[in-house]
């Protein structure tokens, strides 16, 4: 499996491979043409309640990850779809968060790596 993470507002590159948006809400001010998203997996994003509770507060990161992992364990088809897509190509998980260390794409990649197979 081959994954990368990238902020959707960064310049799209051919080297990104398959570009998948993993946010529930479309990024502000971003057109579909600018984003060059090949797949939008809303169902793998944190629930609206969890997203609003977290509000990108680094102090809530550990609890956010734990709660998000529970949500992901209840979405095995979406997780399996990502794994399958990444078997033979680079998959870049796109997010809109300003914080590159504390966002759902980081947590999602950690979950996928921990629960490989």
PDB file of N, CA and C in Angstrom:
ATOM      1  N   UNK A   1       0.841  -1.180   0.000  1.00  0.00           N
ATOM      2  CA  UNK A   1       0.000   0.000   0.000  1.00  0.00           C
ATOM      3  C   UNK A   1       0.879   1.234   0.000  1.00  0.00           C
ATOM      4  N   UNK A   2       0.443   2.198  -0.778  1.00  0.00           N
ATOM      5  CA  UNK A   2       1.212   3.430  -0.872  1.00  0.00           C
ATOM      6  C   UNK A   2       0.284   4.632  -0.731  1.00  0.00           C
ATOM      7  N   UNK A   3       0.511   5.402   0.350  1.00  0.00           N
ATOM      8  CA  UNK A   3      -0.309   6.569   0.639  1.00  0.00           C
ATOM      9  C   UNK A   3       0.560   7.799   0.842  1.00  0.00           C
ATOM     10  N   UNK A   4      -0.029   8.945   0.560  1.00  0.00           N
ATOM     11  CA  UNK A   4       0.567  10.238   0.874  1.00  0.00           C
ATOM     12  C   UNK A   4      -0.550  11.116   1.418  1.00  0.00           C
ATOM     13  N   UNK A   5      -0.165  12.170   2.108  1.00  0.00           N
ATOM     14  CA  UNK A   5      -1.115  13.142   2.630  1.00  0.00           C
ATOM     15  C   UNK A   5      -0.810  14.492   2.008  1.00  0.00           C
ATOM     16  N   UNK A   6      -1.873  15.269   1.764  1.00  0.00           N
ATOM     17  CA  UNK A   6      -1.657  16.575   1.161  1.00  0.00           C
ATOM     18  C   UNK A   6      -2.850  17.474   1.461  1.00  0.00           C
ATOM     19  N   UNK A   7      -2.559  18.730   1.657  1.00  0.00           N
ATOM     20  CA  UNK A   7      -3.620  19.719   1.822  1.00  0.00           C
ATOM     21  C   UNK A   7      -4.193  20.022   0.445  1.00  0.00           C
ATOM     22  N   UNK A   8      -5.498  20.020   0.333  1.00  0.00           N
ATOM     23  CA  UNK A   8      -6.140  20.176  -0.967  1.00  0.00           C
ATOM     24  C   UNK A   8      -5.821  21.525  -1.610  1.00  0.00           C
ATOM     25  N   UNK A   9      -5.461  22.505  -0.816  1.00  0.00           N
ATOM     26  CA  UNK A   9      -5.146  23.837  -1.344  1.00  0.00           C
ATOM     27  C   UNK A   9      -3.745  23.898  -1.955  1.00  0.00           C
ATOM     28  N   UNK A  10      -2.927  22.874  -1.719  1.00  0.00           N
ATOM     29  CA  UNK A  10      -1.595  22.819  -2.333  1.00  0.00           C
ATOM     30  C   UNK A  10      -1.734  22.432  -3.801  1.00  0.00           C
ATOM     31  N   UNK A  11      -0.766  22.820  -4.586  1.00  0.00           N
ATOM     32  CA  UNK A  11      -0.782  22.590  -6.033  1.00  0.00           C
ATOM     33  C   UNK A  11      -0.908  21.091  -6.348  1.00  0.00           C
ATOM     34  N   UNK A  12      -1.911  20.711  -7.148  1.00  0.00           N
ATOM     35  CA  UNK A  12      -2.005  19.309  -7.574  1.00  0.00           C
ATOM     36  C   UNK A  12      -0.836  18.963  -8.494  1.00  0.00           C
ATOM     37  N   UNK A  13      -0.294  17.777  -8.313  1.00  0.00           N
ATOM     38  CA  UNK A  13       0.821  17.307  -9.133  1.00  0.00           C
ATOM     39  C   UNK A  13       0.504  15.930  -9.699  1.00  0.00           C
ATOM     40  N   UNK A  14       1.059  15.638 -10.853  1.00  0.00           N
ATOM     41  CA  UNK A  14       0.879  14.305 -11.434  1.00  0.00           C
ATOM     42  C   UNK A  14       1.425  13.239 -10.485  1.00  0.00           C
ATOM     43  N   UNK A  15       2.465  13.590  -9.730  1.00  0.00           N
ATOM     44  CA  UNK A  15       3.089  12.653  -8.798  1.00  0.00           C
ATOM     45  C   UNK A  15       2.180  12.310  -7.615  1.00  0.00           C
ATOM     46  N   UNK A  16       1.053  13.010  -7.462  1.00  0.00           N
ATOM     47  CA  UNK A  16       0.124  12.719  -6.365  1.00  0.00           C
ATOM     48  C   UNK A  16      -0.569  11.374  -6.543  1.00  0.00           C
ATOM     49  N   UNK A  17      -0.558  10.842  -7.741  1.00  0.00           N
ATOM     50  CA  UNK A  17      -1.290   9.601  -7.986  1.00  0.00           C
ATOM     51  C   UNK A  17      -2.781   9.848  -7.936  1.00  0.00           C
ATOM     52  N   UNK A  18      -3.517   8.925  -7.341  1.00  0.00           N
ATOM     53  CA  UNK A  18      -4.966   9.035  -7.213  1.00  0.00           C
ATOM     54  C   UNK A  18      -5.287   9.980  -6.060  1.00  0.00           C
ATOM     55  N   UNK A  19      -5.956  11.079  -6.359  1.00  0.00           N
ATOM     56  CA  UNK A  19      -6.263  12.112  -5.362  1.00  0.00           C
ATOM     57  C   UNK A  19      -7.665  11.877  -4.794  1.00  0.00           C
ATOM     58  N   UNK A  20      -7.712  11.594  -3.470  1.00  0.00           N
ATOM     59  CA  UNK A  20      -8.972  11.276  -2.808  1.00  0.00           C
ATOM     60  C   UNK A  20      -9.205  12.264  -1.665  1.00  0.00           C
ATOM     61  N   UNK A  21     -10.323  12.976  -1.729  1.00  0.00           N
ATOM     62  CA  UNK A  21     -10.708  13.885  -0.653  1.00  0.00           C
ATOM     63  C   UNK A  21     -11.369  13.074   0.447  1.00  0.00           C
ATOM     64  N   UNK A  22     -10.883  13.225   1.683  1.00  0.00           N
ATOM     65  CA  UNK A  22     -11.401  12.445   2.810  1.00  0.00           C
ATOM     66  C   UNK A  22     -12.073  13.341   3.857  1.00  0.00           C
ATOM     67  N   UNK A  23     -12.556  14.503   3.432  1.00  0.00           N
ATOM     68  CA  UNK A  23     -13.311  15.410   4.290  1.00  0.00           C
ATOM     69  C   UNK A  23     -14.800  15.268   3.973  1.00  0.00           C
ATOM     70  N   UNK A  24     -15.646  15.509   4.956  1.00  0.00           N
ATOM     71  CA  UNK A  24     -17.086  15.407   4.770  1.00  0.00           C
ATOM     72  C   UNK A  24     -17.642  16.618   4.021  1.00  0.00           C
ATOM     73  N   UNK A  25     -16.989  17.770   4.187  1.00  0.00           N
ATOM     74  CA  UNK A  25     -17.457  19.021   3.584  1.00  0.00           C
ATOM     75  C   UNK A  25     -16.477  19.435   2.490  1.00  0.00           C
ATOM     76  N   UNK A  26     -17.023  19.909   1.358  1.00  0.00           N
ATOM     77  CA  UNK A  26     -16.166  20.383   0.265  1.00  0.00           C
ATOM     78  C   UNK A  26     -15.400  21.614   0.743  1.00  0.00           C
ATOM     79  N   UNK A  27     -14.095  21.707   0.446  1.00  0.00           N
ATOM     80  CA  UNK A  27     -13.260  22.829   0.914  1.00  0.00           C
ATOM     81  C   UNK A  27     -13.729  24.184   0.379  1.00  0.00           C
ATOM     82  N   UNK A  28     -13.744  25.158   1.253  1.00  0.00           N
ATOM     83  CA  UNK A  28     -14.174  26.513   0.905  1.00  0.00           C
ATOM     84  C   UNK A  28     -13.318  27.104  -0.196  1.00  0.00           C
ATOM     85  N   UNK A  29     -13.993  27.740  -1.141  1.00  0.00           N
ATOM     86  CA  UNK A  29     -13.299  28.470  -2.186  1.00  0.00           C
ATOM     87  C   UNK A  29     -12.601  27.618  -3.224  1.00  0.00           C
ATOM     88  N   UNK A  30     -12.755  26.329  -3.156  1.00  0.00           N
ATOM     89  CA  UNK A  30     -12.056  25.413  -4.063  1.00  0.00           C
ATOM     90  C   UNK A  30     -13.038  24.892  -5.103  1.00  0.00           C
ATOM     91  N   UNK A  31     -12.712  25.085  -6.369  1.00  0.00           N
ATOM     92  CA  UNK A  31     -13.564  24.530  -7.421  1.00  0.00           C
ATOM     93  C   UNK A  31     -13.150  23.090  -7.684  1.00  0.00           C
ATOM     94  N   UNK A  32     -14.037  22.340  -8.283  1.00  0.00           N
ATOM     95  CA  UNK A  32     -13.718  20.946  -8.619  1.00  0.00           C
ATOM     96  C   UNK A  32     -12.557  20.875  -9.617  1.00  0.00           C
ATOM     97  N   UNK A  33     -12.488  21.840 -10.515  1.00  0.00           N
ATOM     98  CA  UNK A  33     -11.393  21.865 -11.494  1.00  0.00           C
ATOM     99  C   UNK A  33     -10.053  22.121 -10.808  1.00  0.00           C
ATOM    100  N   UNK A  34     -10.028  23.057  -9.861  1.00  0.00           N
ATOM    101  CA  UNK A  34      -8.791  23.371  -9.144  1.00  0.00           C
ATOM    102  C   UNK A  34      -8.336  22.198  -8.281  1.00  0.00           C
ATOM    103  N   UNK A  35      -9.288  21.529  -7.676  1.00  0.00           N
ATOM    104  CA  UNK A  35      -8.971  20.460  -6.724  1.00  0.00           C
ATOM    105  C   UNK A  35      -8.414  19.212  -7.394  1.00  0.00           C
ATOM    106  N   UNK A  36      -8.869  18.938  -8.585  1.00  0.00           N
ATOM    107  CA  UNK A  36      -8.467  17.719  -9.309  1.00  0.00           C
ATOM    108  C   UNK A  36      -8.614  16.470  -8.428  1.00  0.00           C
ATOM    109  N   UNK A  37      -9.777  16.364  -7.807  1.00  0.00           N
ATOM    110  CA  UNK A  37     -10.108  15.219  -6.959  1.00  0.00           C
ATOM    111  C   UNK A  37     -10.720  14.139  -7.835  1.00  0.00           C
ATOM    112  N   UNK A  38     -10.171  12.933  -7.748  1.00  0.00           N
ATOM    113  CA  UNK A  38     -10.713  11.821  -8.528  1.00  0.00           C
ATOM    114  C   UNK A  38     -11.800  11.056  -7.775  1.00  0.00           C
ATOM    115  N   UNK A  39     -11.780  11.161  -6.446  1.00  0.00           N
ATOM    116  CA  UNK A  39     -12.773  10.473  -5.639  1.00  0.00           C
ATOM    117  C   UNK A  39     -12.978  11.265  -4.358  1.00  0.00           C
ATOM    118  N   UNK A  40     -14.224  11.429  -3.976  1.00  0.00           N
ATOM    119  CA  UNK A  40     -14.557  12.105  -2.718  1.00  0.00           C
ATOM    120  C   UNK A  40     -15.223  11.087  -1.823  1.00  0.00           C
ATOM    121  N   UNK A  41     -14.511  10.642  -0.795  1.00  0.00           N
ATOM    122  CA  UNK A  41     -15.012   9.620   0.129  1.00  0.00           C
ATOM    123  C   UNK A  41     -15.561  10.277   1.400  1.00  0.00           C
ATOM    124  N   UNK A  42     -16.709  10.877   1.306  1.00  0.00           N
ATOM    125  CA  UNK A  42     -17.326  11.544   2.467  1.00  0.00           C
ATOM    126  C   UNK A  42     -17.574  10.557   3.603  1.00  0.00           C
ATOM    127  N   UNK A  43     -17.953   9.325   3.219  1.00  0.00           N
ATOM    128  CA  UNK A  43     -18.345   8.352   4.237  1.00  0.00           C
ATOM    129  C   UNK A  43     -17.190   7.898   5.128  1.00  0.00           C
ATOM    130  N   UNK A  44     -15.952   8.203   4.742  1.00  0.00           N
ATOM    131  CA  UNK A  44     -14.816   7.810   5.580  1.00  0.00           C
ATOM    132  C   UNK A  44     -14.377   8.958   6.485  1.00  0.00           C
ATOM    133  N   UNK A  45     -14.971  10.118   6.301  1.00  0.00           N
ATOM    134  CA  UNK A  45     -14.647  11.284   7.130  1.00  0.00           C
ATOM    135  C   UNK A  45     -15.278  11.135   8.514  1.00  0.00           C
ATOM    136  N   UNK A  46     -14.751  11.853   9.495  1.00  0.00           N
ATOM    137  CA  UNK A  46     -15.384  11.819  10.821  1.00  0.00           C
ATOM    138  C   UNK A  46     -16.832  12.304  10.743  1.00  0.00           C
ATOM    139  N   UNK A  47     -17.652  11.805  11.639  1.00  0.00           N
ATOM    140  CA  UNK A  47     -19.043  12.259  11.695  1.00  0.00           C
ATOM    141  C   UNK A  47     -19.079  13.763  11.932  1.00  0.00           C
ATOM    142  N   UNK A  48     -20.183  14.372  11.566  1.00  0.00           N
ATOM    143  CA  UNK A  48     -20.339  15.811  11.780  1.00  0.00           C
ATOM    144  C   UNK A  48     -20.181  16.157  13.256  1.00  0.00           C
ATOM    145  N   UNK A  49     -20.757  15.343  14.118  1.00  0.00           N
ATOM    146  CA  UNK A  49     -20.659  15.593  15.560  1.00  0.00           C
ATOM    147  C   UNK A  49     -19.206  15.554  16.035  1.00  0.00           C
ATOM    148  N   UNK A  50     -18.463  14.548  15.600  1.00  0.00           N
ATOM    149  CA  UNK A  50     -17.063  14.427  16.018  1.00  0.00           C
ATOM    150  C   UNK A  50     -16.233  15.573  15.443  1.00  0.00           C
ATOM    151  N   UNK A  51     -16.452  15.901  14.197  1.00  0.00           N
ATOM    152  CA  UNK A  51     -15.714  16.990  13.554  1.00  0.00           C
ATOM    153  C   UNK A  51     -15.946  18.309  14.291  1.00  0.00           C
ATOM    154  N   UNK A  52     -17.202  18.596  14.607  1.00  0.00           N
ATOM    155  CA  UNK A  52     -17.512  19.845  15.305  1.00  0.00           C
ATOM    156  C   UNK A  52     -16.923  19.852  16.718  1.00  0.00           C
ATOM    157  N   UNK A  53     -16.984  18.715  17.395  1.00  0.00           N
ATOM    158  CA  UNK A  53     -16.427  18.633  18.741  1.00  0.00           C
ATOM    159  C   UNK A  53     -14.915  18.872  18.708  1.00  0.00           C
ATOM    160  N   UNK A  54     -14.229  18.245  17.774  1.00  0.00           N
ATOM    161  CA  UNK A  54     -12.767  18.360  17.678  1.00  0.00           C
ATOM    162  C   UNK A  54     -12.349  19.791  17.340  1.00  0.00           C
ATOM    163  N   UNK A  55     -12.976  20.381  16.350  1.00  0.00           N
ATOM    164  CA  UNK A  55     -12.699  21.764  15.929  1.00  0.00           C
ATOM    165  C   UNK A  55     -11.202  22.029  15.745  1.00  0.00           C
ATOM    166  N   UNK A  56     -10.460  21.015  15.343  1.00  0.00           N
ATOM    167  CA  UNK A  56      -9.018  21.108  15.090  1.00  0.00           C
ATOM    168  C   UNK A  56      -8.240  21.632  16.296  1.00  0.00           C
ATOM    169  N   UNK A  57      -8.696  21.253  17.483  1.00  0.00           N
ATOM    170  CA  UNK A  57      -8.023  21.638  18.729  1.00  0.00           C
ATOM    171  C   UNK A  57      -6.987  20.564  19.065  1.00  0.00           C
ATOM    172  N   UNK A  58      -5.681  20.886  18.956  1.00  0.00           N
ATOM    173  CA  UNK A  58      -4.646  19.880  19.241  1.00  0.00           C
ATOM    174  C   UNK A  58      -4.773  19.258  20.631  1.00  0.00           C
ATOM    175  N   UNK A  59      -5.342  19.984  21.586  1.00  0.00           N
ATOM    176  CA  UNK A  59      -5.514  19.444  22.938  1.00  0.00           C
ATOM    177  C   UNK A  59      -6.497  18.265  22.955  1.00  0.00           C
ATOM    178  N   UNK A  60      -7.366  18.185  21.955  1.00  0.00           N
ATOM    179  CA  UNK A  60      -8.353  17.106  21.867  1.00  0.00           C
ATOM    180  C   UNK A  60      -7.896  15.973  20.938  1.00  0.00           C
ATOM    181  N   UNK A  61      -6.676  16.054  20.419  1.00  0.00           N
ATOM    182  CA  UNK A  61      -6.196  15.137  19.389  1.00  0.00           C
ATOM    183  C   UNK A  61      -6.296  13.665  19.797  1.00  0.00           C
ATOM    184  N   UNK A  62      -5.803  13.316  20.959  1.00  0.00           N
ATOM    185  CA  UNK A  62      -5.786  11.914  21.378  1.00  0.00           C
ATOM    186  C   UNK A  62      -7.205  11.346  21.455  1.00  0.00           C
ATOM    187  N   UNK A  63      -8.104  12.098  22.061  1.00  0.00           N
ATOM    188  CA  UNK A  63      -9.491  11.638  22.171  1.00  0.00           C
ATOM    189  C   UNK A  63     -10.158  11.610  20.801  1.00  0.00           C
ATOM    190  N   UNK A  64      -9.878  12.614  19.979  1.00  0.00           N
ATOM    191  CA  UNK A  64     -10.428  12.625  18.624  1.00  0.00           C
ATOM    192  C   UNK A  64     -10.034  11.357  17.870  1.00  0.00           C
ATOM    193  N   UNK A  65      -8.744  11.018  17.908  1.00  0.00           N
ATOM    194  CA  UNK A  65      -8.263   9.823  17.210  1.00  0.00           C
ATOM    195  C   UNK A  65      -8.978   8.579  17.709  1.00  0.00           C
ATOM    196  N   UNK A  66      -9.097   8.424  19.006  1.00  0.00           N
ATOM    197  CA  UNK A  66      -9.768   7.246  19.571  1.00  0.00           C
ATOM    198  C   UNK A  66     -11.212   7.149  19.078  1.00  0.00           C
ATOM    199  N   UNK A  67     -11.921   8.274  19.108  1.00  0.00           N
ATOM    200  CA  UNK A  67     -13.328   8.271  18.680  1.00  0.00           C
ATOM    201  C   UNK A  67     -13.444   8.043  17.174  1.00  0.00           C
ATOM    202  N   UNK A  68     -12.534   8.637  16.424  1.00  0.00           N
ATOM    203  CA  UNK A  68     -12.549   8.455  14.970  1.00  0.00           C
ATOM    204  C   UNK A  68     -12.229   7.008  14.605  1.00  0.00           C
ATOM    205  N   UNK A  69     -11.297   6.390  15.314  1.00  0.00           N
ATOM    206  CA  UNK A  69     -10.963   4.987  15.059  1.00  0.00           C
ATOM    207  C   UNK A  69     -12.183   4.091  15.281  1.00  0.00           C
ATOM    208  N   UNK A  70     -13.005   4.406  16.280  1.00  0.00           N
ATOM    209  CA  UNK A  70     -14.232   3.644  16.512  1.00  0.00           C
ATOM    210  C   UNK A  70     -15.159   3.812  15.312  1.00  0.00           C
ATOM    211  N   UNK A  71     -15.294   5.046  14.837  1.00  0.00           N
ATOM    212  CA  UNK A  71     -16.129   5.276  13.655  1.00  0.00           C
ATOM    213  C   UNK A  71     -15.593   4.504  12.448  1.00  0.00           C
ATOM    214  N   UNK A  72     -14.280   4.515  12.265  1.00  0.00           N
ATOM    215  CA  UNK A  72     -13.685   3.801  11.129  1.00  0.00           C
ATOM    216  C   UNK A  72     -13.887   2.298  11.244  1.00  0.00           C
ATOM    217  N   UNK A  73     -13.863   1.772  12.463  1.00  0.00           N
ATOM    218  CA  UNK A  73     -14.085   0.329  12.631  1.00  0.00           C
ATOM    219  C   UNK A  73     -15.512  -0.050  12.238  1.00  0.00           C
ATOM    220  N   UNK A  74     -16.408   0.932  12.223  1.00  0.00           N
ATOM    221  CA  UNK A  74     -17.792   0.698  11.801  1.00  0.00           C
ATOM    222  C   UNK A  74     -18.009   1.006  10.324  1.00  0.00           C
ATOM    223  N   UNK A  75     -16.922   1.307   9.600  1.00  0.00           N
ATOM    224  CA  UNK A  75     -17.003   1.597   8.159  1.00  0.00           C
ATOM    225  C   UNK A  75     -15.988   0.749   7.394  1.00  0.00           C
ATOM    226  N   UNK A  76     -16.042  -0.580   7.570  1.00  0.00           N
ATOM    227  CA  UNK A  76     -15.021  -1.439   6.969  1.00  0.00           C
ATOM    228  C   UNK A  76     -14.991  -1.392   5.440  1.00  0.00           C
ATOM    229  N   UNK A  77     -16.132  -1.155   4.805  1.00  0.00           N
ATOM    230  CA  UNK A  77     -16.152  -1.125   3.340  1.00  0.00           C
ATOM    231  C   UNK A  77     -15.369   0.057   2.792  1.00  0.00           C
ATOM    232  N   UNK A  78     -15.528   1.218   3.406  1.00  0.00           N
ATOM    233  CA  UNK A  78     -14.802   2.415   2.950  1.00  0.00           C
ATOM    234  C   UNK A  78     -13.304   2.249   3.180  1.00  0.00           C
ATOM    235  N   UNK A  79     -12.927   1.696   4.319  1.00  0.00           N
ATOM    236  CA  UNK A  79     -11.507   1.462   4.609  1.00  0.00           C
ATOM    237  C   UNK A  79     -10.935   0.453   3.621  1.00  0.00           C
ATOM    238  N   UNK A  80     -11.665  -0.615   3.356  1.00  0.00           N
ATOM    239  CA  UNK A  80     -11.222  -1.628   2.394  1.00  0.00           C
ATOM    240  C   UNK A  80     -11.083  -1.034   0.999  1.00  0.00           C
ATOM    241  N   UNK A  81     -11.984  -0.138   0.634  1.00  0.00           N
ATOM    242  CA  UNK A  81     -11.901   0.513  -0.676  1.00  0.00           C
ATOM    243  C   UNK A  81     -10.597   1.299  -0.800  1.00  0.00           C
ATOM    244  N   UNK A  82     -10.225   2.034   0.226  1.00  0.00           N
ATOM    245  CA  UNK A  82      -8.962   2.774   0.192  1.00  0.00           C
ATOM    246  C   UNK A  82      -7.775   1.830   0.068  1.00  0.00           C
ATOM    247  N   UNK A  83      -7.793   0.759   0.842  1.00  0.00           N
ATOM    248  CA  UNK A  83      -6.684  -0.207   0.775  1.00  0.00           C
ATOM    249  C   UNK A  83      -6.560  -0.804  -0.627  1.00  0.00           C
ATOM    250  N   UNK A  84      -7.675  -1.168  -1.215  1.00  0.00           N
ATOM    251  CA  UNK A  84      -7.678  -1.751  -2.558  1.00  0.00           C
ATOM    252  C   UNK A  84      -7.125  -0.766  -3.580  1.00  0.00           C
ATOM    253  N   UNK A  85      -7.555   0.477  -3.493  1.00  0.00           N
ATOM    254  CA  UNK A  85      -7.081   1.494  -4.434  1.00  0.00           C
ATOM    255  C   UNK A  85      -5.575   1.716  -4.318  1.00  0.00           C
ATOM    256  N   UNK A  86      -5.047   1.553  -3.111  1.00  0.00           N
ATOM    257  CA  UNK A  86      -3.621   1.811  -2.877  1.00  0.00           C
ATOM    258  C   UNK A  86      -2.729   0.599  -3.142  1.00  0.00           C
ATOM    259  N   UNK A  87      -3.300  -0.519  -3.540  1.00  0.00           N
ATOM    260  CA  UNK A  87      -2.492  -1.716  -3.783  1.00  0.00           C
ATOM    261  C   UNK A  87      -1.522  -1.554  -4.946  1.00  0.00           C
ATOM    262  N   UNK A  88      -1.932  -0.835  -5.991  1.00  0.00           N
ATOM    263  CA  UNK A  88      -1.101  -0.761  -7.191  1.00  0.00           C
ATOM    264  C   UNK A  88      -0.800   0.657  -7.634  1.00  0.00           C
ATOM    265  N   UNK A  89      -1.109   1.635  -6.782  1.00  0.00           N
ATOM    266  CA  UNK A  89      -0.832   3.024  -7.141  1.00  0.00           C
ATOM    267  C   UNK A  89      -0.736   3.866  -5.871  1.00  0.00           C
ATOM    268  N   UNK A  90      -0.108   5.011  -6.009  1.00  0.00           N
ATOM    269  CA  UNK A  90      -0.050   5.969  -4.909  1.00  0.00           C
ATOM    270  C   UNK A  90      -1.430   6.602  -4.749  1.00  0.00           C
ATOM    271  N   UNK A  91      -1.910   6.648  -3.513  1.00  0.00           N
ATOM    272  CA  UNK A  91      -3.158   7.323  -3.186  1.00  0.00           C
ATOM    273  C   UNK A  91      -2.812   8.490  -2.274  1.00  0.00           C
ATOM    274  N   UNK A  92      -3.184   9.683  -2.688  1.00  0.00           N
ATOM    275  CA  UNK A  92      -2.969  10.865  -1.863  1.00  0.00           C
ATOM    276  C   UNK A  92      -4.281  11.229  -1.194  1.00  0.00           C
ATOM    277  N   UNK A  93      -4.259  11.179   0.140  1.00  0.00           N
ATOM    278  CA  UNK A  93      -5.420  11.541   0.934  1.00  0.00           C
ATOM    279  C   UNK A  93      -5.414  13.053   1.102  1.00  0.00           C
ATOM    280  N   UNK A  94      -6.445  13.694   0.604  1.00  0.00           N
ATOM    281  CA  UNK A  94      -6.536  15.148   0.627  1.00  0.00           C
ATOM    282  C   UNK A  94      -7.411  15.624   1.781  1.00  0.00           C
ATOM    283  N   UNK A  95      -6.960  16.689   2.415  1.00  0.00           N
ATOM    284  CA  UNK A  95      -7.708  17.305   3.517  1.00  0.00           C
ATOM    285  C   UNK A  95      -7.615  18.817   3.372  1.00  0.00           C
ATOM    286  N   UNK A  96      -8.495  19.536   4.056  1.00  0.00           N
ATOM    287  CA  UNK A  96      -8.514  20.992   3.977  1.00  0.00           C
ATOM    288  C   UNK A  96      -7.943  21.667   5.223  1.00  0.00           C
ATOM    289  N   UNK A  97      -7.605  20.891   6.227  1.00  0.00           N
ATOM    290  CA  UNK A  97      -7.144  21.463   7.496  1.00  0.00           C
ATOM    291  C   UNK A  97      -5.836  22.236   7.344  1.00  0.00           C
ATOM    292  N   UNK A  98      -5.717  23.312   8.106  1.00  0.00           N
ATOM    293  CA  UNK A  98      -4.479  24.099   8.105  1.00  0.00           C
ATOM    294  C   UNK A  98      -3.382  23.387   8.887  1.00  0.00           C
ATOM    295  N   UNK A  99      -3.763  22.614   9.887  1.00  0.00           N
ATOM    296  CA  UNK A  99      -2.822  21.892  10.739  1.00  0.00           C
ATOM    297  C   UNK A  99      -2.486  20.555  10.077  1.00  0.00           C
ATOM    298  N   UNK A 100      -1.243  20.413   9.643  1.00  0.00           N
ATOM    299  CA  UNK A 100      -0.822  19.191   8.948  1.00  0.00           C
ATOM    300  C   UNK A 100      -0.569  18.004   9.875  1.00  0.00           C
ATOM    301  N   UNK A 101      -0.597  18.227  11.188  1.00  0.00           N
ATOM    302  CA  UNK A 101      -0.312  17.143  12.125  1.00  0.00           C
ATOM    303  C   UNK A 101      -1.553  16.642  12.859  1.00  0.00           C
ATOM    304  N   UNK A 102      -2.570  17.484  12.945  1.00  0.00           N
ATOM    305  CA  UNK A 102      -3.771  17.145  13.713  1.00  0.00           C
ATOM    306  C   UNK A 102      -5.002  17.303  12.831  1.00  0.00           C
ATOM    307  N   UNK A 103      -5.240  16.300  11.978  1.00  0.00           N
ATOM    308  CA  UNK A 103      -6.421  16.330  11.113  1.00  0.00           C
ATOM    309  C   UNK A 103      -6.867  14.902  10.815  1.00  0.00           C
ATOM    310  N   UNK A 104      -8.060  14.794  10.249  1.00  0.00           N
ATOM    311  CA  UNK A 104      -8.626  13.461  10.034  1.00  0.00           C
ATOM    312  C   UNK A 104      -7.834  12.619   9.039  1.00  0.00           C
ATOM    313  N   UNK A 105      -7.168  13.233   8.069  1.00  0.00           N
ATOM    314  CA  UNK A 105      -6.381  12.450   7.107  1.00  0.00           C
ATOM    315  C   UNK A 105      -5.190  11.784   7.800  1.00  0.00           C
ATOM    316  N   UNK A 106      -4.557  12.492   8.716  1.00  0.00           N
ATOM    317  CA  UNK A 106      -3.446  11.917   9.486  1.00  0.00           C
ATOM    318  C   UNK A 106      -3.951  10.730  10.310  1.00  0.00           C
ATOM    319  N   UNK A 107      -5.068  10.933  10.986  1.00  0.00           N
ATOM    320  CA  UNK A 107      -5.639   9.851  11.807  1.00  0.00           C
ATOM    321  C   UNK A 107      -6.078   8.674  10.939  1.00  0.00           C
ATOM    322  N   UNK A 108      -6.673   8.965   9.799  1.00  0.00           N
ATOM    323  CA  UNK A 108      -7.117   7.911   8.883  1.00  0.00           C
ATOM    324  C   UNK A 108      -5.935   7.069   8.408  1.00  0.00           C
ATOM    325  N   UNK A 109      -4.857   7.713   8.011  1.00  0.00           N
ATOM    326  CA  UNK A 109      -3.680   6.974   7.554  1.00  0.00           C
ATOM    327  C   UNK A 109      -3.108   6.121   8.684  1.00  0.00           C
ATOM    328  N   UNK A 110      -3.079   6.655   9.884  1.00  0.00           N
ATOM    329  CA  UNK A 110      -2.599   5.875  11.030  1.00  0.00           C
ATOM    330  C   UNK A 110      -3.482   4.640  11.225  1.00  0.00           C
ATOM    331  N   UNK A 111      -4.778   4.818  11.144  1.00  0.00           N
ATOM    332  CA  UNK A 111      -5.705   3.695  11.296  1.00  0.00           C
ATOM    333  C   UNK A 111      -5.460   2.635  10.216  1.00  0.00           C
ATOM    334  N   UNK A 112      -5.331   3.053   8.980  1.00  0.00           N
ATOM    335  CA  UNK A 112      -5.109   2.117   7.883  1.00  0.00           C
ATOM    336  C   UNK A 112      -3.820   1.346   8.089  1.00  0.00           C
ATOM    337  N   UNK A 113      -2.775   2.025   8.496  1.00  0.00           N
ATOM    338  CA  UNK A 113      -1.478   1.357   8.716  1.00  0.00           C
ATOM    339  C   UNK A 113      -1.535   0.391   9.885  1.00  0.00           C
ATOM    340  N   UNK A 114      -2.224   0.765  10.951  1.00  0.00           N
ATOM    341  CA  UNK A 114      -2.343  -0.103  12.128  1.00  0.00           C
ATOM    342  C   UNK A 114      -3.200  -1.333  11.881  1.00  0.00           C
ATOM    343  N   UNK A 115      -4.186  -1.173  11.029  1.00  0.00           N
ATOM    344  CA  UNK A 115      -5.138  -2.255  10.783  1.00  0.00           C
ATOM    345  C   UNK A 115      -4.992  -2.829   9.372  1.00  0.00           C
ATOM    346  N   UNK A 116      -3.778  -2.896   8.920  1.00  0.00           N
ATOM    347  CA  UNK A 116      -3.517  -3.450   7.576  1.00  0.00           C
ATOM    348  C   UNK A 116      -3.902  -4.921   7.556  1.00  0.00           C
ATOM    349  N   UNK A 117      -4.519  -5.289   6.425  1.00  0.00           N
ATOM    350  CA  UNK A 117      -4.834  -6.692   6.253  1.00  0.00           C
ATOM    351  C   UNK A 117      -6.152  -7.059   6.694  1.00  0.00           C
TER     352      UNK A 117
END
